[in-house]
Amino acid sequence: MDISVQSVNNGIASTNEERWVRVKGRPEGANIGRVIGSREMDHGVGHCSFILFEETGEVATYRSRDTEPAPKPA
């Protein structure tokens, strides 16, 4: 994962880059969100991303392997 880190607080890196992802397994139409931060998972088994779904205001955490790059919603 190649992100520009803006700040780190309690192990969570936030970024000022606008990066959108599609989350595998979420319903179509509610599966694209903006990455607002990331952190290494416990025991160094990968990264997870904090994703803001702007349509609903929901913030959820997903493993990076469960996401793929997506275009910004229109």
Protein backbone atom coordinates (compact mmCIF):
# COMPACT_ATOMS: atom_id res chain seq x y z
CA MET A 1 0.00 0.00 0.00
CA ASP A 2 1.47 3.32 -1.04
CA ILE A 3 -0.07 6.24 0.83
CA SER A 4 1.11 9.64 1.89
CA VAL A 5 0.77 9.73 5.66
CA GLN A 6 -0.59 12.98 7.05
CA SER A 7 -0.52 12.01 10.73
CA VAL A 8 -0.34 9.01 13.04
CA ASN A 9 -2.43 8.79 16.20
CA ASN A 10 -2.60 5.61 18.30
CA GLY A 11 -1.15 3.61 15.42
CA ILE A 12 -3.73 4.88 12.90
CA ALA A 13 -2.28 6.68 9.90
CA SER A 14 -4.54 9.24 8.27
CA THR A 15 -3.99 10.46 4.76
CA ASN A 16 -4.83 13.57 2.80
CA GLU A 17 -4.79 11.68 -0.51
CA GLU A 18 -8.21 11.03 -1.98
CA ARG A 19 -8.35 7.28 -2.54
CA TRP A 20 -11.56 5.41 -3.29
CA VAL A 21 -12.08 1.66 -2.95
CA ARG A 22 -14.76 -0.92 -3.66
CA VAL A 23 -15.38 -3.26 -0.73
CA LYS A 24 -15.94 -6.87 -1.71
CA GLY A 25 -19.10 -8.38 -0.21
CA ARG A 26 -21.02 -5.10 0.31
CA PRO A 27 -24.23 -4.48 -1.66
CA GLU A 28 -23.81 -2.82 -5.07
CA GLY A 29 -24.41 0.91 -4.76
CA ALA A 30 -23.18 0.95 -1.15
CA ASN A 31 -19.80 -0.62 -1.72
CA ILE A 32 -17.60 2.35 -2.73
CA GLY A 33 -16.04 4.53 -0.07
CA ARG A 34 -13.14 6.88 0.57
CA VAL A 35 -10.16 5.67 2.57
CA ILE A 36 -9.65 8.03 5.51
CA GLY A 37 -6.93 6.09 7.33
CA SER A 38 -5.21 2.77 7.82
CA ARG A 39 -3.29 0.78 10.38
CA GLU A 40 -1.32 -2.42 10.61
CA MET A 41 -3.42 -5.29 11.94
CA ASP A 42 -2.47 -7.08 15.15
CA HIS A 43 0.49 -9.45 14.91
CA GLY A 44 1.61 -7.89 11.61
CA VAL A 45 -0.82 -9.88 9.47
CA GLY A 46 -1.58 -7.06 7.02
CA HIS A 47 -3.27 -3.68 6.96
CA CYS A 48 -6.82 -2.55 7.48
CA SER A 49 -8.38 0.58 6.06
CA PHE A 50 -10.88 2.94 7.65
CA ILE A 51 -13.42 3.71 4.94
CA LEU A 52 -16.00 6.51 4.88
CA PHE A 53 -19.15 5.73 2.91
CA GLU A 54 -20.22 9.32 2.24
CA GLU A 55 -23.77 8.47 1.13
CA THR A 56 -24.64 7.06 4.55
CA GLY A 57 -22.02 8.72 6.75
CA GLU A 58 -20.89 5.26 7.90
CA VAL A 59 -17.25 4.64 8.75
CA ALA A 60 -16.18 1.00 8.71
CA THR A 61 -12.93 -0.93 8.92
CA TYR A 62 -12.02 -3.50 6.29
CA ARG A 63 -8.92 -5.55 5.61
CA SER A 64 -7.03 -4.14 2.65
CA ARG A 65 -7.27 -7.50 0.89
CA ASP A 66 -11.08 -7.09 0.90
CA THR A 67 -10.87 -3.88 -1.12
CA GLU A 68 -9.91 -2.90 -4.65
CA PRO A 69 -9.30 0.52 -6.22
CA ALA A 70 -12.43 2.25 -7.52
CA PRO A 71 -13.26 5.52 -9.27
CA LYS A 72 -14.73 8.38 -7.26
CA PRO A 73 -18.55 8.15 -7.35
CA ALA A 74 -20.25 10.71 -9.57
